[in-house]
Amino acid sequence: MAYEYKGTAAKELFESYSKDKKPFLEKARLKFPKRKEGFKEIKLLKELFFPKYWNSNETTEHIDELEDKVTRLGKILFKGLIAHLHRETEAKRIVDSVLNSLPEIREVLKKDVDAAFAGDPAAGDYTQIIRAYPGFLGILAHRFIHELYKNKAKSYARELQEHIHSVTGIDVHPGAKIGEYFFIDHGTGVVVGETSVIGDWARIYQQVTLGVLHFEKGEGSILKKSYKRHPTIGNNCVIGAGAKILGPVRIGNRVNIGANSWVDMDIPDDTTVYPKKPEHYKKDRNSN
């Protein structure tokens, strides 16, 4: 069974490119140095999501070439899923679903670029964020890989995620749910567990862990699977470098977690947590 994509992702991506406004590149004027890629899936994703930045400018001018690129990605995914699932019909269904999500993912990724520019004083322009920031590559890959995970292609999703982990030093499990305008600054050593949930406009720094405090036992010597064991982070939160937030705790909205804090309890809205004694949090003076 050969894979052939018949959806509308290419048309929707083509229309999305034409809506790009400054500070995103509006026209394909630049030629960037080529980079070697370990996984063809990731190379194609970068070109499909931001073609002007990866010397794939033809995709904004010729819809047939864009359709061909989407199909090439589909064929790679189909082959990978067959290897993991051994069921052609299910593999095709998953590939169709994931490819159909590409235009929506692109729109969310543009918001992530906005968040990186807004949240990093060292970000000089959008080009360096898209081409050079490991945090952005990590979230670009995650948003796509999460679609595989949601479609029950968990083994293949994990394979792609581990490649991105090796490239960026950022370990975000495919199952983690992440809101819009997300930014990982620096990124080295960041770990986000499977059942983590992160709201909109969250910013985290290097060495942050959203992890497990205690494991529940299942049958025999196997640990229990598929239960909530990681944190839920609210909107407009900043998590400082080295902070560890552990267990199924809830962090409220507009919370600042100081660098190197250890947090294993719920934190209310409008709170700053200090690293030495996180239990001695303070309510923001401007909150009620």
C-alpha atoms as a PDB file:
ATOM      1  CA  MET A   1       0.000   0.000   0.000  1.00  0.00           C
ATOM      2  CA  ALA A   2       1.556   3.285  -1.139  1.00  0.00           C
ATOM      3  CA  TYR A   3       0.708   6.477   0.723  1.00  0.00           C
ATOM      4  CA  GLU A   4      -0.932   9.350  -1.162  1.00  0.00           C
ATOM      5  CA  TYR A   5      -2.136  12.488   0.587  1.00  0.00           C
ATOM      6  CA  LYS A   6      -5.375  14.014  -0.727  1.00  0.00           C
ATOM      7  CA  GLY A   7      -6.071  16.599   1.971  1.00  0.00           C
ATOM      8  CA  THR A   8      -5.919  20.396   1.940  1.00  0.00           C
ATOM      9  CA  ALA A   9      -2.850  21.047   4.123  1.00  0.00           C
ATOM     10  CA  ALA A  10      -0.731  22.358   1.236  1.00  0.00           C
ATOM     11  CA  LYS A  11      -3.436  24.809   0.138  1.00  0.00           C
ATOM     12  CA  GLU A  12      -3.935  26.038   3.713  1.00  0.00           C
ATOM     13  CA  LEU A  13      -0.184  26.396   4.293  1.00  0.00           C
ATOM     14  CA  PHE A  14       0.132  28.296   0.997  1.00  0.00           C
ATOM     15  CA  GLU A  15      -2.570  30.719   2.148  1.00  0.00           C
ATOM     16  CA  SER A  16      -0.903  31.021   5.560  1.00  0.00           C
ATOM     17  CA  TYR A  17       2.432  32.073   4.020  1.00  0.00           C
ATOM     18  CA  SER A  18       0.773  34.945   2.196  1.00  0.00           C
ATOM     19  CA  LYS A  19      -0.550  36.335   5.487  1.00  0.00           C
ATOM     20  CA  ASP A  20       2.894  36.666   7.083  1.00  0.00           C
ATOM     21  CA  LYS A  21       3.646  40.257   8.075  1.00  0.00           C
ATOM     22  CA  LYS A  22       6.698  41.921   9.567  1.00  0.00           C
ATOM     23  CA  PRO A  23       8.674  41.108  11.648  1.00  0.00           C
ATOM     24  CA  PHE A  24       8.341  37.715   9.927  1.00  0.00           C
ATOM     25  CA  LEU A  25      10.001  37.628   6.507  1.00  0.00           C
ATOM     26  CA  GLU A  26       7.449  38.692   3.919  1.00  0.00           C
ATOM     27  CA  LYS A  27       9.430  37.860   0.792  1.00  0.00           C
ATOM     28  CA  ALA A  28      12.000  35.218  -0.040  1.00  0.00           C
ATOM     29  CA  ARG A  29      15.060  37.436  -0.444  1.00  0.00           C
ATOM     30  CA  LEU A  30      17.656  35.622   1.619  1.00  0.00           C
ATOM     31  CA  LYS A  31      19.724  32.476   1.131  1.00  0.00           C
ATOM     32  CA  PHE A  32      20.781  30.812   4.337  1.00  0.00           C
ATOM     33  CA  PRO A  33      23.568  28.235   4.775  1.00  0.00           C
ATOM     34  CA  LYS A  34      22.365  24.651   4.544  1.00  0.00           C
ATOM     35  CA  ARG A  35      22.243  22.540   7.700  1.00  0.00           C
ATOM     36  CA  LYS A  36      22.510  18.766   7.861  1.00  0.00           C
ATOM     37  CA  GLU A  37      19.540  17.070   9.456  1.00  0.00           C
ATOM     38  CA  GLY A  38      19.508  13.717  11.245  1.00  0.00           C
ATOM     39  CA  PHE A  39      15.808  13.051  10.624  1.00  0.00           C
ATOM     40  CA  LYS A  40      14.201  13.963   7.284  1.00  0.00           C
ATOM     41  CA  GLU A  41      10.857  14.498   9.048  1.00  0.00           C
ATOM     42  CA  ILE A  42      12.269  17.417  11.045  1.00  0.00           C
ATOM     43  CA  LYS A  43      13.938  18.980   7.992  1.00  0.00           C
ATOM     44  CA  LEU A  44      10.657  18.899   6.068  1.00  0.00           C
ATOM     45  CA  LEU A  45       8.708  20.289   9.006  1.00  0.00           C
ATOM     46  CA  LYS A  46      11.037  23.276   9.300  1.00  0.00           C
ATOM     47  CA  GLU A  47      10.678  23.965   5.559  1.00  0.00           C
ATOM     48  CA  LEU A  48       6.889  23.582   5.629  1.00  0.00           C
ATOM     49  CA  PHE A  49       6.342  25.742   8.693  1.00  0.00           C
ATOM     50  CA  PHE A  50       8.831  28.529   7.798  1.00  0.00           C
ATOM     51  CA  PRO A  51       9.945  28.068   4.170  1.00  0.00           C
ATOM     52  CA  LYS A  52      11.485  31.538   3.774  1.00  0.00           C
ATOM     53  CA  TYR A  53      13.984  30.748   6.530  1.00  0.00           C
ATOM     54  CA  TRP A  54      15.123  27.382   5.148  1.00  0.00           C
ATOM     55  CA  ASN A  55      15.736  28.104   1.440  1.00  0.00           C
ATOM     56  CA  SER A  56      12.412  26.556   0.483  1.00  0.00           C
ATOM     57  CA  ASN A  57      10.978  29.659  -1.067  1.00  0.00           C
ATOM     58  CA  GLU A  58       9.487  27.797  -4.004  1.00  0.00           C
ATOM     59  CA  THR A  59       6.741  26.510  -1.709  1.00  0.00           C
ATOM     60  CA  THR A  60       5.305  30.011  -1.430  1.00  0.00           C
ATOM     61  CA  GLU A  61       5.133  30.379  -5.206  1.00  0.00           C
ATOM     62  CA  HIS A  62       4.218  26.976  -6.624  1.00  0.00           C
ATOM     63  CA  ILE A  63       1.402  25.100  -4.904  1.00  0.00           C
ATOM     64  CA  ASP A  64       2.235  21.862  -6.724  1.00  0.00           C
ATOM     65  CA  GLU A  65       5.731  21.797  -5.217  1.00  0.00           C
ATOM     66  CA  LEU A  66       4.256  22.460  -1.795  1.00  0.00           C
ATOM     67  CA  GLU A  67       1.805  19.592  -2.256  1.00  0.00           C
ATOM     68  CA  ASP A  68       4.711  17.370  -3.254  1.00  0.00           C
ATOM     69  CA  LYS A  69       6.607  18.303  -0.076  1.00  0.00           C
ATOM     70  CA  VAL A  70       3.587  17.543   2.121  1.00  0.00           C
ATOM     71  CA  THR A  71       3.226  14.184   0.387  1.00  0.00           C
ATOM     72  CA  ARG A  72       6.945  13.439   0.873  1.00  0.00           C
ATOM     73  CA  LEU A  73       6.536  14.066   4.593  1.00  0.00           C
ATOM     74  CA  GLY A  74       3.469  11.845   4.569  1.00  0.00           C
ATOM     75  CA  LYS A  75       5.335   8.983   2.920  1.00  0.00           C
ATOM     76  CA  ILE A  76       8.118   9.151   5.505  1.00  0.00           C
ATOM     77  CA  LEU A  77       5.590   9.185   8.329  1.00  0.00           C
ATOM     78  CA  PHE A  78       3.646   6.330   6.732  1.00  0.00           C
ATOM     79  CA  LYS A  79       6.761   4.200   6.466  1.00  0.00           C
ATOM     80  CA  GLY A  80       7.690   4.925  10.077  1.00  0.00           C
ATOM     81  CA  LEU A  81       4.194   4.156  11.330  1.00  0.00           C
ATOM     82  CA  ILE A  82       4.021   0.878   9.409  1.00  0.00           C
ATOM     83  CA  ALA A  83       7.224  -0.159  11.163  1.00  0.00           C
ATOM     84  CA  HIS A  84       5.681   0.625  14.553  1.00  0.00           C
ATOM     85  CA  LEU A  85       2.034  -0.380  14.000  1.00  0.00           C
ATOM     86  CA  HIS A  86       2.125  -3.041  11.244  1.00  0.00           C
ATOM     87  CA  ARG A  87      -1.344  -1.859  10.160  1.00  0.00           C
ATOM     88  CA  GLU A  88      -1.546   0.070   6.888  1.00  0.00           C
ATOM     89  CA  THR A  89      -5.106   1.363   7.261  1.00  0.00           C
ATOM     90  CA  GLU A  90      -4.437   2.770  10.723  1.00  0.00           C
ATOM     91  CA  ALA A  91      -1.104   4.225   9.594  1.00  0.00           C
ATOM     92  CA  LYS A  92      -2.812   6.086   6.731  1.00  0.00           C
ATOM     93  CA  ARG A  93      -5.507   7.437   9.047  1.00  0.00           C
ATOM     94  CA  ILE A  94      -2.887   8.800  11.444  1.00  0.00           C
ATOM     95  CA  VAL A  95      -0.788  10.386   8.693  1.00  0.00           C
ATOM     96  CA  ASP A  96      -3.838  12.089   7.183  1.00  0.00           C
ATOM     97  CA  SER A  97      -4.849  13.446  10.583  1.00  0.00           C
ATOM     98  CA  VAL A  98      -1.361  14.728  11.404  1.00  0.00           C
ATOM     99  CA  LEU A  99      -0.807  16.357   8.007  1.00  0.00           C
ATOM    100  CA  ASN A 100      -4.210  18.030   8.206  1.00  0.00           C
ATOM    101  CA  SER A 101      -3.048  19.680  11.450  1.00  0.00           C
ATOM    102  CA  LEU A 102       0.010  21.364   9.867  1.00  0.00           C
ATOM    103  CA  PRO A 103      -1.647  24.735   9.069  1.00  0.00           C
ATOM    104  CA  GLU A 104      -3.038  25.045  12.602  1.00  0.00           C
ATOM    105  CA  ILE A 105       0.328  24.133  14.139  1.00  0.00           C
ATOM    106  CA  ARG A 106       2.034  26.781  12.005  1.00  0.00           C
ATOM    107  CA  GLU A 107      -0.250  29.515  13.319  1.00  0.00           C
ATOM    108  CA  VAL A 108       0.513  28.507  16.913  1.00  0.00           C
ATOM    109  CA  LEU A 109       4.266  28.406  16.186  1.00  0.00           C
ATOM    110  CA  LYS A 110       4.144  31.995  14.931  1.00  0.00           C
ATOM    111  CA  LYS A 111       2.764  32.936  18.350  1.00  0.00           C
ATOM    112  CA  ASP A 112       5.648  31.054  19.973  1.00  0.00           C
ATOM    113  CA  VAL A 113       8.085  33.176  17.945  1.00  0.00           C
ATOM    114  CA  ASP A 114       6.262  36.283  19.173  1.00  0.00           C
ATOM    115  CA  ALA A 115       6.637  35.051  22.756  1.00  0.00           C
ATOM    116  CA  ALA A 116      10.359  34.364  22.332  1.00  0.00           C
ATOM    117  CA  PHE A 117      10.959  37.840  20.939  1.00  0.00           C
ATOM    118  CA  ALA A 118       8.897  39.454  23.694  1.00  0.00           C
ATOM    119  CA  GLY A 119      10.519  37.415  26.456  1.00  0.00           C
ATOM    120  CA  ASP A 120      14.195  37.538  25.531  1.00  0.00           C
ATOM    121  CA  PRO A 121      16.086  40.859  25.478  1.00  0.00           C
ATOM    122  CA  ALA A 122      18.875  39.124  23.531  1.00  0.00           C
ATOM    123  CA  ALA A 123      16.538  38.256  20.635  1.00  0.00           C
ATOM    124  CA  GLY A 124      17.494  40.684  17.900  1.00  0.00           C
ATOM    125  CA  ASP A 125      15.046  39.489  15.277  1.00  0.00           C
ATOM    126  CA  TYR A 126      12.715  36.647  14.350  1.00  0.00           C
ATOM    127  CA  THR A 127      15.282  35.046  12.028  1.00  0.00           C
ATOM    128  CA  GLN A 128      17.641  34.061  14.823  1.00  0.00           C
ATOM    129  CA  ILE A 129      14.763  32.662  16.872  1.00  0.00           C
ATOM    130  CA  ILE A 130      13.530  30.462  14.025  1.00  0.00           C
ATOM    131  CA  ARG A 131      16.954  29.328  12.837  1.00  0.00           C
ATOM    132  CA  ALA A 132      19.078  29.247  15.977  1.00  0.00           C
ATOM    133  CA  TYR A 133      17.066  28.955  19.199  1.00  0.00           C
ATOM    134  CA  PRO A 134      17.053  25.390  20.601  1.00  0.00           C
ATOM    135  CA  GLY A 135      13.960  26.252  22.616  1.00  0.00           C
ATOM    136  CA  PHE A 136      12.057  27.112  19.469  1.00  0.00           C
ATOM    137  CA  LEU A 137      13.195  23.973  17.636  1.00  0.00           C
ATOM    138  CA  GLY A 138      12.107  21.991  20.676  1.00  0.00           C
ATOM    139  CA  ILE A 139       8.591  23.432  20.673  1.00  0.00           C
ATOM    140  CA  LEU A 140       8.309  23.261  16.853  1.00  0.00           C
ATOM    141  CA  ALA A 141       9.005  19.551  16.981  1.00  0.00           C
ATOM    142  CA  HIS A 142       6.867  18.995  20.071  1.00  0.00           C
ATOM    143  CA  ARG A 143       3.735  20.559  18.619  1.00  0.00           C
ATOM    144  CA  PHE A 144       3.965  18.175  15.664  1.00  0.00           C
ATOM    145  CA  ILE A 145       5.027  15.150  17.717  1.00  0.00           C
ATOM    146  CA  HIS A 146       2.138  15.768  20.133  1.00  0.00           C
ATOM    147  CA  GLU A 147      -0.261  15.224  17.223  1.00  0.00           C
ATOM    148  CA  LEU A 148       1.287  11.800  16.654  1.00  0.00           C
ATOM    149  CA  TYR A 149       0.917  11.071  20.356  1.00  0.00           C
ATOM    150  CA  LYS A 150      -2.766  12.112  20.364  1.00  0.00           C
ATOM    151  CA  ASN A 151      -3.349   9.757  17.437  1.00  0.00           C
ATOM    152  CA  LYS A 152      -1.922   6.863  19.482  1.00  0.00           C
ATOM    153  CA  ALA A 153       1.356   6.685  17.536  1.00  0.00           C
ATOM    154  CA  LYS A 154       3.253   6.885  20.819  1.00  0.00           C
ATOM    155  CA  SER A 155       6.318   4.825  19.912  1.00  0.00           C
ATOM    156  CA  TYR A 156       7.015   6.788  16.736  1.00  0.00           C
ATOM    157  CA  ALA A 157       6.368  10.063  18.573  1.00  0.00           C
ATOM    158  CA  ARG A 158       8.886   9.092  21.244  1.00  0.00           C
ATOM    159  CA  GLU A 159      11.470   8.184  18.598  1.00  0.00           C
ATOM    160  CA  LEU A 160      11.232  11.652  17.044  1.00  0.00           C
ATOM    161  CA  GLN A 161      11.210  13.319  20.458  1.00  0.00           C
ATOM    162  CA  GLU A 162      14.400  11.575  21.533  1.00  0.00           C
ATOM    163  CA  HIS A 163      16.109  12.841  18.383  1.00  0.00           C
ATOM    164  CA  ILE A 164      15.121  16.416  19.267  1.00  0.00           C
ATOM    165  CA  HIS A 165      16.285  15.784  22.834  1.00  0.00           C
ATOM    166  CA  SER A 166      19.713  14.788  21.561  1.00  0.00           C
ATOM    167  CA  VAL A 167      19.925  17.873  19.340  1.00  0.00           C
ATOM    168  CA  THR A 168      18.633  20.517  21.763  1.00  0.00           C
ATOM    169  CA  GLY A 169      19.138  19.109  25.265  1.00  0.00           C
ATOM    170  CA  ILE A 170      15.407  19.697  25.833  1.00  0.00           C
ATOM    171  CA  ASP A 171      13.319  16.694  26.915  1.00  0.00           C
ATOM    172  CA  VAL A 172       9.605  17.391  26.472  1.00  0.00           C
ATOM    173  CA  HIS A 173       7.523  14.234  26.516  1.00  0.00           C
ATOM    174  CA  PRO A 174       5.194  13.902  23.497  1.00  0.00           C
ATOM    175  CA  GLY A 175       2.190  13.708  25.821  1.00  0.00           C
ATOM    176  CA  ALA A 176       2.734  17.097  27.499  1.00  0.00           C
ATOM    177  CA  LYS A 177       0.002  19.653  26.721  1.00  0.00           C
ATOM    178  CA  ILE A 178       1.380  23.137  26.064  1.00  0.00           C
ATOM    179  CA  GLY A 179      -0.605  26.319  25.483  1.00  0.00           C
ATOM    180  CA  GLU A 180       0.041  29.199  23.115  1.00  0.00           C
ATOM    181  CA  TYR A 181       2.873  31.764  23.279  1.00  0.00           C
ATOM    182  CA  PHE A 182       5.291  29.305  24.897  1.00  0.00           C
ATOM    183  CA  PHE A 183       9.001  30.074  25.269  1.00  0.00           C
ATOM    184  CA  ILE A 184      11.916  27.989  26.541  1.00  0.00           C
ATOM    185  CA  ASP A 185      14.963  30.232  27.060  1.00  0.00           C
ATOM    186  CA  HIS A 186      18.404  28.592  26.727  1.00  0.00           C
ATOM    187  CA  GLY A 187      16.765  25.208  27.151  1.00  0.00           C
ATOM    188  CA  THR A 188      19.638  22.962  28.232  1.00  0.00           C
ATOM    189  CA  GLY A 189      18.449  20.349  30.705  1.00  0.00           C
ATOM    190  CA  VAL A 190      14.729  21.199  30.562  1.00  0.00           C
ATOM    191  CA  VAL A 191      12.527  18.182  31.367  1.00  0.00           C
ATOM    192  CA  VAL A 192       8.732  18.229  30.968  1.00  0.00           C
ATOM    193  CA  GLY A 193       6.911  15.024  31.904  1.00  0.00           C
ATOM    194  CA  GLU A 194       4.145  13.200  30.060  1.00  0.00           C
ATOM    195  CA  THR A 195       1.113  14.433  32.010  1.00  0.00           C
ATOM    196  CA  SER A 196       2.317  18.025  32.401  1.00  0.00           C
ATOM    197  CA  VAL A 197      -0.081  20.782  31.346  1.00  0.00           C
ATOM    198  CA  ILE A 198       1.230  24.300  30.636  1.00  0.00           C
ATOM    199  CA  GLY A 199      -0.993  27.326  30.034  1.00  0.00           C
ATOM    200  CA  ASP A 200      -0.596  30.298  27.689  1.00  0.00           C
ATOM    201  CA  TRP A 201       2.289  32.773  27.859  1.00  0.00           C
ATOM    202  CA  ALA A 202       4.477  30.515  30.001  1.00  0.00           C
ATOM    203  CA  ARG A 203       8.243  31.020  30.021  1.00  0.00           C
ATOM    204  CA  ILE A 204      10.732  28.537  31.424  1.00  0.00           C
ATOM    205  CA  TYR A 205      14.499  28.576  31.669  1.00  0.00           C
ATOM    206  CA  GLN A 206      17.320  26.029  31.605  1.00  0.00           C
ATOM    207  CA  GLN A 207      17.441  23.050  33.995  1.00  0.00           C
ATOM    208  CA  VAL A 208      13.736  23.322  34.838  1.00  0.00           C
ATOM    209  CA  THR A 209      12.012  20.034  35.660  1.00  0.00           C
ATOM    210  CA  LEU A 210       8.260  19.413  35.606  1.00  0.00           C
ATOM    211  CA  GLY A 211       8.502  15.945  37.036  1.00  0.00           C
ATOM    212  CA  VAL A 212       7.184  13.248  39.352  1.00  0.00           C
ATOM    213  CA  LEU A 213       7.473  13.289  43.141  1.00  0.00           C
ATOM    214  CA  HIS A 214       6.323   9.727  43.844  1.00  0.00           C
ATOM    215  CA  PHE A 215       5.488   6.790  41.591  1.00  0.00           C
ATOM    216  CA  GLU A 216       2.419   4.644  42.138  1.00  0.00           C
ATOM    217  CA  LYS A 217       2.816   0.886  41.962  1.00  0.00           C
ATOM    218  CA  GLY A 218       0.902  -1.177  39.451  1.00  0.00           C
ATOM    219  CA  GLU A 219       0.598  -4.929  39.204  1.00  0.00           C
ATOM    220  CA  GLY A 220       3.665  -6.958  40.032  1.00  0.00           C
ATOM    221  CA  SER A 221       6.903  -5.006  39.676  1.00  0.00           C
ATOM    222  CA  ILE A 222       5.576  -2.674  36.955  1.00  0.00           C
ATOM    223  CA  LEU A 223       4.897   0.952  37.856  1.00  0.00           C
ATOM    224  CA  LYS A 224       1.377   2.243  37.241  1.00  0.00           C
ATOM    225  CA  LYS A 225       0.751   3.783  33.816  1.00  0.00           C
ATOM    226  CA  SER A 226      -1.450   6.589  32.491  1.00  0.00           C
ATOM    227  CA  TYR A 227      -2.293   8.610  35.570  1.00  0.00           C
ATOM    228  CA  LYS A 228      -1.791  12.286  36.384  1.00  0.00           C
ATOM    229  CA  ARG A 229       1.623  12.607  38.039  1.00  0.00           C
ATOM    230  CA  HIS A 230       3.109  15.861  36.698  1.00  0.00           C
ATOM    231  CA  PRO A 231       2.351  19.558  37.376  1.00  0.00           C
ATOM    232  CA  THR A 232      -0.280  21.798  35.830  1.00  0.00           C
ATOM    233  CA  ILE A 233       1.047  25.319  35.171  1.00  0.00           C
ATOM    234  CA  GLY A 234      -1.306  28.268  34.753  1.00  0.00           C
ATOM    235  CA  ASN A 235      -1.196  31.213  32.350  1.00  0.00           C
ATOM    236  CA  ASN A 236       1.466  33.951  32.390  1.00  0.00           C
ATOM    237  CA  CYS A 237       3.910  32.003  34.554  1.00  0.00           C
ATOM    238  CA  VAL A 238       7.696  32.299  34.667  1.00  0.00           C
ATOM    239  CA  ILE A 239       9.760  29.370  35.967  1.00  0.00           C
ATOM    240  CA  GLY A 240      13.345  30.280  36.784  1.00  0.00           C
ATOM    241  CA  ALA A 241      16.481  28.306  35.979  1.00  0.00           C
ATOM    242  CA  GLY A 242      16.942  25.098  37.928  1.00  0.00           C
ATOM    243  CA  ALA A 243      13.456  25.087  39.450  1.00  0.00           C
ATOM    244  CA  LYS A 244      11.910  21.683  40.186  1.00  0.00           C
ATOM    245  CA  ILE A 245       8.123  21.423  40.252  1.00  0.00           C
ATOM    246  CA  LEU A 246       7.172  17.888  41.201  1.00  0.00           C
ATOM    247  CA  GLY A 247       3.978  15.893  41.393  1.00  0.00           C
ATOM    248  CA  PRO A 248       0.414  16.633  40.236  1.00  0.00           C
ATOM    249  CA  VAL A 249       0.445  20.080  41.822  1.00  0.00           C
ATOM    250  CA  ARG A 250      -1.383  23.098  40.433  1.00  0.00           C
ATOM    251  CA  ILE A 251       0.515  26.344  39.842  1.00  0.00           C
ATOM    252  CA  GLY A 252      -1.841  29.292  39.485  1.00  0.00           C
ATOM    253  CA  ASN A 253      -1.895  32.132  36.986  1.00  0.00           C
ATOM    254  CA  ARG A 254       0.725  34.883  37.007  1.00  0.00           C
ATOM    255  CA  VAL A 255       3.090  32.914  39.254  1.00  0.00           C
ATOM    256  CA  ASN A 256       6.862  33.467  39.334  1.00  0.00           C
ATOM    257  CA  ILE A 257       8.918  30.487  40.470  1.00  0.00           C
ATOM    258  CA  GLY A 258      12.388  31.641  41.521  1.00  0.00           C
ATOM    259  CA  ALA A 259      15.551  29.973  40.251  1.00  0.00           C
ATOM    260  CA  ASN A 260      16.451  26.705  42.010  1.00  0.00           C
ATOM    261  CA  SER A 261      13.130  26.507  43.850  1.00  0.00           C
ATOM    262  CA  TRP A 262      11.770  23.118  44.893  1.00  0.00           C
ATOM    263  CA  VAL A 263       7.971  23.073  44.660  1.00  0.00           C
ATOM    264  CA  ASP A 264       5.829  20.090  45.621  1.00  0.00           C
ATOM    265  CA  MET A 265       2.568  21.800  46.574  1.00  0.00           C
ATOM    266  CA  ASP A 266      -0.131  23.927  44.965  1.00  0.00           C
ATOM    267  CA  ILE A 267       0.706  27.615  44.485  1.00  0.00           C
ATOM    268  CA  PRO A 268      -2.112  30.218  44.258  1.00  0.00           C
ATOM    269  CA  ASP A 269      -2.486  32.952  41.651  1.00  0.00           C
ATOM    270  CA  ASP A 270      -0.303  36.069  41.751  1.00  0.00           C
ATOM    271  CA  THR A 271       2.435  34.509  43.840  1.00  0.00           C
ATOM    272  CA  THR A 272       6.221  34.660  43.900  1.00  0.00           C
ATOM    273  CA  VAL A 273       8.041  31.575  45.175  1.00  0.00           C
ATOM    274  CA  TYR A 274      11.479  31.982  46.731  1.00  0.00           C
ATOM    275  CA  PRO A 275      14.157  29.334  46.170  1.00  0.00           C
ATOM    276  CA  LYS A 276      15.265  28.807  49.769  1.00  0.00           C
ATOM    277  CA  LYS A 277      11.867  28.313  51.334  1.00  0.00           C
ATOM    278  CA  PRO A 278       9.204  27.865  48.651  1.00  0.00           C
ATOM    279  CA  GLU A 279       6.598  27.174  51.339  1.00  0.00           C
ATOM    280  CA  HIS A 280       7.028  30.795  52.452  1.00  0.00           C
ATOM    281  CA  TYR A 281       5.470  32.292  49.376  1.00  0.00           C
ATOM    282  CA  LYS A 282       4.131  35.815  49.284  1.00  0.00           C
ATOM    283  CA  LYS A 283       1.024  37.227  47.732  1.00  0.00           C
ATOM    284  CA  ASP A 284       1.677  39.917  45.158  1.00  0.00           C
ATOM    285  CA  ARG A 285       1.100  43.335  46.688  1.00  0.00           C
ATOM    286  CA  ASN A 286      -1.113  44.338  43.755  1.00  0.00           C
ATOM    287  CA  SER A 287      -3.425  41.342  44.074  1.00  0.00           C
ATOM    288  CA  ASN A 288      -6.552  41.179  46.201  1.00  0.00           C
END
